[in-house]
PDB file of N, CA and C in Angstrom:
ATOM      1  N   MET A   1     -24.625  -8.406  -6.459  1.00  0.00           N
ATOM      2  CA  MET A   1     -23.638  -7.052  -6.597  1.00  0.00           C
ATOM      3  C   MET A   1     -23.000  -6.973  -5.764  1.00  0.00           C
ATOM      4  N   PRO A   2     -21.516  -6.616  -5.787  1.00  0.00           N
ATOM      5  CA  PRO A   2     -20.821  -6.419  -4.943  1.00  0.00           C
ATOM      6  C   PRO A   2     -21.126  -4.777  -4.106  1.00  0.00           C
ATOM      7  N   SER A   3     -20.886  -4.609  -2.711  1.00  0.00           N
ATOM      8  CA  SER A   3     -21.220  -3.280  -2.411  1.00  0.00           C
ATOM      9  C   SER A   3     -20.304  -2.509  -2.575  1.00  0.00           C
ATOM     10  N   ARG A   4     -20.535  -1.216  -2.651  1.00  0.00           N
ATOM     11  CA  ARG A   4     -19.891  -0.106  -3.324  1.00  0.00           C
ATOM     12  C   ARG A   4     -18.973   0.264  -2.167  1.00  0.00           C
ATOM     13  N   PHE A   5     -19.203   0.277  -0.692  1.00  0.00           N
ATOM     14  CA  PHE A   5     -18.409   0.900   0.312  1.00  0.00           C
ATOM     15  C   PHE A   5     -18.236  -0.246   1.096  1.00  0.00           C
ATOM     16  N   LEU A   6     -16.678  -0.241   1.557  1.00  0.00           N
ATOM     17  CA  LEU A   6     -16.269  -1.150   2.398  1.00  0.00           C
ATOM     18  C   LEU A   6     -16.156  -0.648   3.851  1.00  0.00           C
ATOM     19  N   THR A   7     -15.928  -1.321   4.795  1.00  0.00           N
ATOM     20  CA  THR A   7     -15.612  -0.754   6.054  1.00  0.00           C
ATOM     21  C   THR A   7     -14.266  -0.943   6.461  1.00  0.00           C
ATOM     22  N   LEU A   8     -13.886  -0.554   7.362  1.00  0.00           N
ATOM     23  CA  LEU A   8     -12.363  -0.368   7.582  1.00  0.00           C
ATOM     24  C   LEU A   8     -11.547  -2.092   7.995  1.00  0.00           C
ATOM     25  N   ALA A   9     -12.540  -2.508   8.704  1.00  0.00           N
ATOM     26  CA  ALA A   9     -12.388  -4.112   8.503  1.00  0.00           C
ATOM     27  C   ALA A   9     -12.480  -4.601   7.415  1.00  0.00           C
ATOM     28  N   ASP A  10     -12.843  -4.496   6.553  1.00  0.00           N
ATOM     29  CA  ASP A  10     -13.029  -5.086   5.013  1.00  0.00           C
ATOM     30  C   ASP A  10     -11.741  -4.574   4.229  1.00  0.00           C
ATOM     31  N   VAL A  11     -11.467  -3.107   4.802  1.00  0.00           N
ATOM     32  CA  VAL A  11     -10.103  -2.622   3.913  1.00  0.00           C
ATOM     33  C   VAL A  11      -8.815  -3.284   4.727  1.00  0.00           C
ATOM     34  N   SER A  12      -8.774  -3.428   6.221  1.00  0.00           N
ATOM     35  CA  SER A  12      -7.885  -4.045   6.705  1.00  0.00           C
ATOM     36  C   SER A  12      -7.497  -5.744   6.436  1.00  0.00           C
ATOM     37  N   GLU A  13      -8.753  -6.347   6.176  1.00  0.00           N
ATOM     38  CA  GLU A  13      -8.524  -7.722   5.562  1.00  0.00           C
ATOM     39  C   GLU A  13      -8.135  -7.849   4.207  1.00  0.00           C
ATOM     40  N   THR A  14      -8.356  -7.118   3.463  1.00  0.00           N
ATOM     41  CA  THR A  14      -8.154  -6.998   1.773  1.00  0.00           C
ATOM     42  C   THR A  14      -6.633  -6.450   2.114  1.00  0.00           C
ATOM     43  N   LEU A  15      -6.211  -5.814   2.719  1.00  0.00           N
ATOM     44  CA  LEU A  15      -4.428  -5.178   2.864  1.00  0.00           C
ATOM     45  C   LEU A  15      -3.776  -6.223   3.480  1.00  0.00           C
ATOM     46  N   ASN A  16      -4.345  -7.136   4.297  1.00  0.00           N
ATOM     47  CA  ASN A  16      -3.515  -7.652   5.492  1.00  0.00           C
ATOM     48  C   ASN A  16      -2.734  -6.777   6.330  1.00  0.00           C
ATOM     49  N   ILE A  17      -3.583  -5.570   6.624  1.00  0.00           N
ATOM     50  CA  ILE A  17      -3.047  -4.873   7.764  1.00  0.00           C
ATOM     51  C   ILE A  17      -4.246  -4.728   8.935  1.00  0.00           C
ATOM     52  N   SER A  18      -3.525  -4.033  10.070  1.00  0.00           N
ATOM     53  CA  SER A  18      -4.503  -4.040  11.247  1.00  0.00           C
ATOM     54  C   SER A  18      -5.404  -3.227  11.027  1.00  0.00           C
ATOM     55  N   ALA A  19      -6.683  -3.043  11.463  1.00  0.00           N
ATOM     56  CA  ALA A  19      -7.525  -1.954  11.626  1.00  0.00           C
ATOM     57  C   ALA A  19      -7.127  -0.817  12.196  1.00  0.00           C
ATOM     58  N   ALA A  20      -6.470  -0.600  12.830  1.00  0.00           N
ATOM     59  CA  ALA A  20      -5.598   0.401  13.374  1.00  0.00           C
ATOM     60  C   ALA A  20      -4.498   1.160  12.134  1.00  0.00           C
ATOM     61  N   GLN A  21      -3.902   0.311  11.580  1.00  0.00           N
ATOM     62  CA  GLN A  21      -3.333   1.060  10.074  1.00  0.00           C
ATOM     63  C   GLN A  21      -4.358   1.384   9.053  1.00  0.00           C
ATOM     64  N   ALA A  22      -5.405   0.586   9.157  1.00  0.00           N
ATOM     65  CA  ALA A  22      -6.498   1.329   7.983  1.00  0.00           C
ATOM     66  C   ALA A  22      -7.074   2.166   8.210  1.00  0.00           C
ATOM     67  N   TYR A  23      -7.045   2.557   9.412  1.00  0.00           N
ATOM     68  CA  TYR A  23      -7.987   3.905  10.042  1.00  0.00           C
ATOM     69  C   TYR A  23      -6.530   4.970  10.139  1.00  0.00           C
ATOM     70  N   ALA A  24      -5.452   4.494   9.857  1.00  0.00           N
ATOM     71  CA  ALA A  24      -4.376   5.887   9.981  1.00  0.00           C
ATOM     72  C   ALA A  24      -4.410   5.908   8.356  1.00  0.00           C
ATOM     73  N   LEU A  25      -4.490   5.134   7.518  1.00  0.00           N
ATOM     74  CA  LEU A  25      -4.579   5.306   6.036  1.00  0.00           C
ATOM     75  C   LEU A  25      -6.047   6.576   5.933  1.00  0.00           C
ATOM     76  N   VAL A  26      -6.594   5.996   6.388  1.00  0.00           N
ATOM     77  CA  VAL A  26      -7.991   7.092   5.941  1.00  0.00           C
ATOM     78  C   VAL A  26      -7.805   8.505   6.607  1.00  0.00           C
ATOM     79  N   ARG A  27      -7.313   8.672   8.146  1.00  0.00           N
ATOM     80  CA  ARG A  27      -6.986   9.888   8.758  1.00  0.00           C
ATOM     81  C   ARG A  27      -6.139  10.563   8.194  1.00  0.00           C
ATOM     82  N   CYS A  28      -4.912  10.009   7.806  1.00  0.00           N
ATOM     83  CA  CYS A  28      -3.768  10.895   7.018  1.00  0.00           C
ATOM     84  C   CYS A  28      -4.175  10.988   5.654  1.00  0.00           C
ATOM     85  N   GLY A  29      -5.423  10.753   5.077  1.00  0.00           N
ATOM     86  CA  GLY A  29      -5.722  10.928   3.934  1.00  0.00           C
ATOM     87  C   GLY A  29      -5.072  10.492   2.387  1.00  0.00           C
ATOM     88  N   ASP A  30      -4.162   9.404   2.894  1.00  0.00           N
ATOM     89  CA  ASP A  30      -4.082   8.524   2.022  1.00  0.00           C
ATOM     90  C   ASP A  30      -5.029   7.762   1.162  1.00  0.00           C
ATOM     91  N   LEU A  31      -5.905   7.517   1.966  1.00  0.00           N
ATOM     92  CA  LEU A  31      -7.175   6.655   1.542  1.00  0.00           C
ATOM     93  C   LEU A  31      -8.726   7.354   1.898  1.00  0.00           C
ATOM     94  N   PRO A  32      -9.112   8.026   0.570  1.00  0.00           N
ATOM     95  CA  PRO A  32     -10.068   8.874   0.590  1.00  0.00           C
ATOM     96  C   PRO A  32     -11.617   7.804   1.415  1.00  0.00           C
ATOM     97  N   ALA A  33     -12.161   8.674   2.206  1.00  0.00           N
ATOM     98  CA  ALA A  33     -13.116   7.857   2.778  1.00  0.00           C
ATOM     99  C   ALA A  33     -14.103   8.918   3.461  1.00  0.00           C
ATOM    100  N   ILE A  34     -15.496   8.376   3.672  1.00  0.00           N
ATOM    101  CA  ILE A  34     -16.721   9.416   4.483  1.00  0.00           C
ATOM    102  C   ILE A  34     -16.933   8.601   5.509  1.00  0.00           C
ATOM    103  N   LYS A  35     -17.686   9.398   6.414  1.00  0.00           N
ATOM    104  CA  LYS A  35     -18.173   9.103   7.443  1.00  0.00           C
ATOM    105  C   LYS A  35     -19.454   9.407   7.453  1.00  0.00           C
ATOM    106  N   VAL A  36     -20.401   8.145   8.069  1.00  0.00           N
ATOM    107  CA  VAL A  36     -21.823   7.833   7.657  1.00  0.00           C
ATOM    108  C   VAL A  36     -22.093   7.582   8.986  1.00  0.00           C
ATOM    109  N   GLY A  37     -23.726   7.912   9.213  1.00  0.00           N
ATOM    110  CA  GLY A  37     -24.558   7.736  10.085  1.00  0.00           C
ATOM    111  C   GLY A  37     -24.321   7.917  11.481  1.00  0.00           C
ATOM    112  N   GLY A  38     -25.422   7.883  12.438  1.00  0.00           N
ATOM    113  CA  GLY A  38     -25.113   8.688  13.616  1.00  0.00           C
ATOM    114  C   GLY A  38     -23.716   8.419  14.567  1.00  0.00           C
ATOM    115  N   ARG A  39     -23.300   7.431  14.422  1.00  0.00           N
ATOM    116  CA  ARG A  39     -21.860   7.092  15.093  1.00  0.00           C
ATOM    117  C   ARG A  39     -20.861   7.639  14.125  1.00  0.00           C
ATOM    118  N   GLY A  40     -20.981   8.276  12.872  1.00  0.00           N
ATOM    119  CA  GLY A  40     -19.961   8.560  12.202  1.00  0.00           C
ATOM    120  C   GLY A  40     -18.709   7.273  11.874  1.00  0.00           C
ATOM    121  N   GLN A  41     -19.511   6.366  11.352  1.00  0.00           N
ATOM    122  CA  GLN A  41     -18.545   5.142  10.763  1.00  0.00           C
ATOM    123  C   GLN A  41     -17.986   5.433   9.561  1.00  0.00           C
ATOM    124  N   TRP A  42     -16.686   4.806   9.627  1.00  0.00           N
ATOM    125  CA  TRP A  42     -15.985   5.264   8.340  1.00  0.00           C
ATOM    126  C   TRP A  42     -16.311   4.146   7.324  1.00  0.00           C
ATOM    127  N   ARG A  43     -16.297   4.668   5.847  1.00  0.00           N
ATOM    128  CA  ARG A  43     -16.744   3.738   4.821  1.00  0.00           C
ATOM    129  C   ARG A  43     -15.967   4.774   3.667  1.00  0.00           C
ATOM    130  N   ILE A  44     -15.248   3.475   3.074  1.00  0.00           N
ATOM    131  CA  ILE A  44     -14.378   3.657   1.858  1.00  0.00           C
ATOM    132  C   ILE A  44     -14.779   2.807   0.686  1.00  0.00           C
ATOM    133  N   GLU A  45     -15.400   3.452  -0.533  1.00  0.00           N
ATOM    134  CA  GLU A  45     -15.576   3.041  -1.454  1.00  0.00           C
ATOM    135  C   GLU A  45     -14.307   2.203  -2.156  1.00  0.00           C
ATOM    136  N   ALA A  46     -14.873   0.995  -2.607  1.00  0.00           N
ATOM    137  CA  ALA A  46     -14.299  -0.280  -3.289  1.00  0.00           C
ATOM    138  C   ALA A  46     -13.285   0.518  -4.423  1.00  0.00           C
ATOM    139  N   ALA A  47     -13.755   1.638  -5.324  1.00  0.00           N
ATOM    140  CA  ALA A  47     -12.993   2.002  -5.938  1.00  0.00           C
ATOM    141  C   ALA A  47     -11.629   3.047  -5.622  1.00  0.00           C
ATOM    142  N   GLU A  48     -12.002   3.616  -4.770  1.00  0.00           N
ATOM    143  CA  GLU A  48     -11.208   4.179  -3.752  1.00  0.00           C
ATOM    144  C   GLU A  48     -10.097   3.445  -3.368  1.00  0.00           C
ATOM    145  N   LEU A  49     -10.508   2.224  -3.102  1.00  0.00           N
ATOM    146  CA  LEU A  49      -9.311   1.099  -2.433  1.00  0.00           C
ATOM    147  C   LEU A  49      -8.451   0.453  -3.700  1.00  0.00           C
ATOM    148  N   GLU A  50      -9.383   0.156  -4.768  1.00  0.00           N
ATOM    149  CA  GLU A  50      -8.595   0.144  -5.808  1.00  0.00           C
ATOM    150  C   GLU A  50      -7.500   0.841  -6.232  1.00  0.00           C
ATOM    151  N   ASN A  51      -7.808   2.423  -6.538  1.00  0.00           N
ATOM    152  CA  ASN A  51      -6.842   3.367  -6.697  1.00  0.00           C
ATOM    153  C   ASN A  51      -5.698   3.510  -5.863  1.00  0.00           C
ATOM    154  N   TYR A  52      -6.152   3.511  -4.685  1.00  0.00           N
ATOM    155  CA  TYR A  52      -4.890   3.424  -3.674  1.00  0.00           C
ATOM    156  C   TYR A  52      -3.828   2.502  -4.012  1.00  0.00           C
ATOM    157  N   ILE A  53      -4.633   1.098  -3.989  1.00  0.00           N
ATOM    158  CA  ILE A  53      -3.574  -0.102  -4.369  1.00  0.00           C
ATOM    159  C   ILE A  53      -2.694  -0.045  -5.694  1.00  0.00           C
ATOM    160  N   SER A  54      -3.309   0.694  -6.342  1.00  0.00           N
ATOM    161  CA  SER A  54      -2.744   1.071  -7.830  1.00  0.00           C
ATOM    162  C   SER A  54      -1.460   2.242  -8.005  1.00  0.00           C
ATOM    163  N   ARG A  55      -1.851   3.300  -6.972  1.00  0.00           N
ATOM    164  CA  ARG A  55      -0.803   4.013  -6.627  1.00  0.00           C
ATOM    165  C   ARG A  55       0.330   3.317  -5.646  1.00  0.00           C
ATOM    166  N   MET A  56       0.199   2.549  -4.756  1.00  0.00           N
ATOM    167  CA  MET A  56       1.293   2.000  -3.784  1.00  0.00           C
ATOM    168  C   MET A  56       1.755   0.947  -4.877  1.00  0.00           C
ATOM    169  N   TYR A  57       1.259   0.514  -6.093  1.00  0.00           N
ATOM    170  CA  TYR A  57       2.098  -0.350  -6.838  1.00  0.00           C
ATOM    171  C   TYR A  57       2.986   0.494  -7.638  1.00  0.00           C
ATOM    172  N   ALA A  58       2.434   1.771  -8.131  1.00  0.00           N
ATOM    173  CA  ALA A  58       3.311   2.646  -8.743  1.00  0.00           C
ATOM    174  C   ALA A  58       4.682   3.294  -8.052  1.00  0.00           C
ATOM    175  N   GLN A  59       4.054   3.424  -6.735  1.00  0.00           N
ATOM    176  CA  GLN A  59       5.199   4.130  -5.701  1.00  0.00           C
ATOM    177  C   GLN A  59       6.086   3.048  -5.568  1.00  0.00           C
ATOM    178  N   THR A  60       5.942   1.526  -5.748  1.00  0.00           N
ATOM    179  CA  THR A  60       6.686   0.756  -5.362  1.00  0.00           C
ATOM    180  C   THR A  60       7.786   0.351  -6.701  1.00  0.00           C
ATOM    181  N   ARG A  61       7.094   0.264  -7.604  1.00  0.00           N
ATOM    182  CA  ARG A  61       7.972   0.234  -8.959  1.00  0.00           C
ATOM    183  C   ARG A  61       9.029   1.543  -9.131  1.00  0.00           C
ATOM    184  N   GLU A  62       8.489   2.515  -8.716  1.00  0.00           N
ATOM    185  CA  GLU A  62       9.606   3.712  -8.565  1.00  0.00           C
ATOM    186  C   GLU A  62      10.672   3.449  -7.464  1.00  0.00           C
ATOM    187  N   PHE A  63      10.258   3.028  -6.379  1.00  0.00           N
ATOM    188  CA  PHE A  63      11.535   2.562  -5.383  1.00  0.00           C
ATOM    189  C   PHE A  63      12.131   1.789  -5.832  1.00  0.00           C
ATOM    190  N   VAL A  64      11.698   0.553  -6.274  1.00  0.00           N
ATOM    191  CA  VAL A  64      12.591  -0.348  -6.879  1.00  0.00           C
ATOM    192  C   VAL A  64      13.309   0.019  -8.019  1.00  0.00           C
ATOM    193  N   ALA A  65      13.025   0.825  -9.045  1.00  0.00           N
ATOM    194  CA  ALA A  65      13.932   1.194  -9.972  1.00  0.00           C
ATOM    195  C   ALA A  65      14.785   2.043  -9.370  1.00  0.00           C
ATOM    196  N   THR A  66      14.795   2.999  -8.493  1.00  0.00           N
ATOM    197  CA  THR A  66      15.767   3.812  -7.767  1.00  0.00           C
ATOM    198  C   THR A  66      16.613   3.479  -6.808  1.00  0.00           C
ATOM    199  N   HIS A  67      16.351   2.107  -6.266  1.00  0.00           N
ATOM    200  CA  HIS A  67      16.998   1.359  -4.958  1.00  0.00           C
ATOM    201  C   HIS A  67      17.254  -0.253  -5.135  1.00  0.00           C
ATOM    202  N   PRO A  68      18.208  -0.132  -6.530  1.00  0.00           N
ATOM    203  CA  PRO A  68      18.073  -1.667  -6.833  1.00  0.00           C
ATOM    204  C   PRO A  68      18.668  -2.535  -5.405  1.00  0.00           C
ATOM    205  N   PHE A  69      18.143  -4.014  -5.550  1.00  0.00           N
ATOM    206  CA  PHE A  69      18.455  -4.704  -4.215  1.00  0.00           C
ATOM    207  C   PHE A  69      19.947  -4.810  -4.213  1.00  0.00           C
ATOM    208  N   GLY A  70      20.702  -4.768  -3.352  1.00  0.00           N
ATOM    209  CA  GLY A  70      21.996  -5.253  -3.074  1.00  0.00           C
ATOM    210  C   GLY A  70      23.249  -4.483  -3.696  1.00  0.00           C
ATOM    211  N   ILE A  71      22.608  -3.391  -4.298  1.00  0.00           N
ATOM    212  CA  ILE A  71      23.309  -2.538  -4.775  1.00  0.00           C
ATOM    213  C   ILE A  71      23.926  -1.187  -4.104  1.00  0.00           C
ATOM    214  N   GLU A  72      24.902  -0.885  -3.502  1.00  0.00           N
ATOM    215  CA  GLU A  72      25.047  -0.181  -2.845  1.00  0.00           C
ATOM    216  C   GLU A  72      25.474   1.471  -3.426  1.00  0.00           C
ATOM    217  N   PRO A  73      25.049   2.350  -3.078  1.00  0.00           N
ATOM    218  CA  PRO A  73      25.513   4.074  -3.626  1.00  0.00           C
ATOM    219  C   PRO A  73      26.740   3.866  -4.180  1.00  0.00           C
ATOM    220  N   GLY A  74      26.929   4.443  -5.873  1.00  0.00           N
ATOM    221  CA  GLY A  74      28.212   4.399  -5.902  1.00  0.00           C
ATOM    222  C   GLY A  74      28.834   3.102  -6.663  1.00  0.00           C
ATOM    223  N   VAL A  75      28.363   1.889  -6.380  1.00  0.00           N
ATOM    224  CA  VAL A  75      28.487   0.742  -6.713  1.00  0.00           C
ATOM    225  C   VAL A  75      27.744   0.459  -8.249  1.00  0.00           C
ATOM    226  N   SER A  76      28.570   0.236  -9.569  1.00  0.00           N
ATOM    227  CA  SER A  76      27.791  -0.133 -10.664  1.00  0.00           C
ATOM    228  C   SER A  76      27.140  -1.311 -10.666  1.00  0.00           C
ATOM    229  N   ALA A  77      26.272  -1.728 -11.436  1.00  0.00           N
ATOM    230  CA  ALA A  77      25.382  -2.875 -11.525  1.00  0.00           C
ATOM    231  C   ALA A  77      26.316  -4.135 -11.956  1.00  0.00           C
ATOM    232  N   ASP A  78      27.424  -3.925 -12.514  1.00  0.00           N
ATOM    233  CA  ASP A  78      28.471  -4.918 -12.902  1.00  0.00           C
ATOM    234  C   ASP A  78      29.279  -5.302 -11.632  1.00  0.00           C
ATOM    235  N   GLN A  79      29.428  -4.530 -10.857  1.00  0.00           N
ATOM    236  CA  GLN A  79      30.198  -4.669  -9.637  1.00  0.00           C
ATOM    237  C   GLN A  79      28.819  -5.130  -8.159  1.00  0.00           C
ATOM    238  N   ALA A  80      27.890  -5.172  -8.433  1.00  0.00           N
ATOM    239  CA  ALA A  80      26.995  -6.032  -7.576  1.00  0.00           C
ATOM    240  C   ALA A  80      27.129  -7.364  -7.029  1.00  0.00           C
ATOM    241  N   PRO A  81      26.799  -7.752  -6.208  1.00  0.00           N
ATOM    242  CA  PRO A  81      27.040  -9.392  -5.830  1.00  0.00           C
ATOM    243  C   PRO A  81      25.803 -10.229  -6.774  1.00  0.00           C
ATOM    244  N   SER A  82      25.778 -11.174  -7.431  1.00  0.00           N
ATOM    245  CA  SER A  82      25.130 -11.797  -7.779  1.00  0.00           C
ATOM    246  C   SER A  82      23.837 -12.342  -6.850  1.00  0.00           C
ATOM    247  N   PRO A  83      22.694 -12.679  -7.155  1.00  0.00           N
ATOM    248  CA  PRO A  83      21.965 -13.414  -6.276  1.00  0.00           C
ATOM    249  C   PRO A  83      22.221 -14.336  -5.868  1.00  0.00           C
ATOM    250  N   ASP A  84      22.842 -15.300  -6.161  1.00  0.00           N
ATOM    251  CA  ASP A  84      23.298 -16.572  -5.304  1.00  0.00           C
ATOM    252  C   ASP A  84      24.229 -16.031  -4.315  1.00  0.00           C
ATOM    253  N   ALA A  85      24.875 -15.186  -4.511  1.00  0.00           N
ATOM    254  CA  ALA A  85      26.110 -14.382  -3.504  1.00  0.00           C
ATOM    255  C   ALA A  85      25.230 -13.820  -2.459  1.00  0.00           C
ATOM    256  N   LEU A  86      23.986 -13.354  -2.720  1.00  0.00           N
ATOM    257  CA  LEU A  86      22.976 -12.784  -1.344  1.00  0.00           C
ATOM    258  C   LEU A  86      22.334 -13.665  -0.783  1.00  0.00           C
ATOM    259  N   HIS A  87      21.600 -14.749  -1.409  1.00  0.00           N
ATOM    260  CA  HIS A  87      21.386 -16.059  -0.749  1.00  0.00           C
ATOM    261  C   HIS A  87      22.351 -17.059  -0.514  1.00  0.00           C
ATOM    262  N   GLY A  88      23.781 -16.991  -0.432  1.00  0.00           N
ATOM    263  CA  GLY A  88      24.478 -17.829  -0.110  1.00  0.00           C
ATOM    264  C   GLY A  88      24.524 -18.277   1.511  1.00  0.00           C
TER     265      GLY A  88
END
């Protein structure tokens, strides 16, 4: 049975980020977590990590939709360079 809780190291490995970045996500409240044990070690529910990932996908979709790649503000899509021109 998979573990319900993850360590910061587990989160950093899953997201391919540093332990410091995982800690920052917890401390700023972006990734809900609890402190457990006498040393107050952080634990993140696997479901909360999945919720965070889903939120980040939604935010990224919104960003991409409102910031088309290669299109400058005030330029219509038909005036934008083709993908081949961008990789040329």
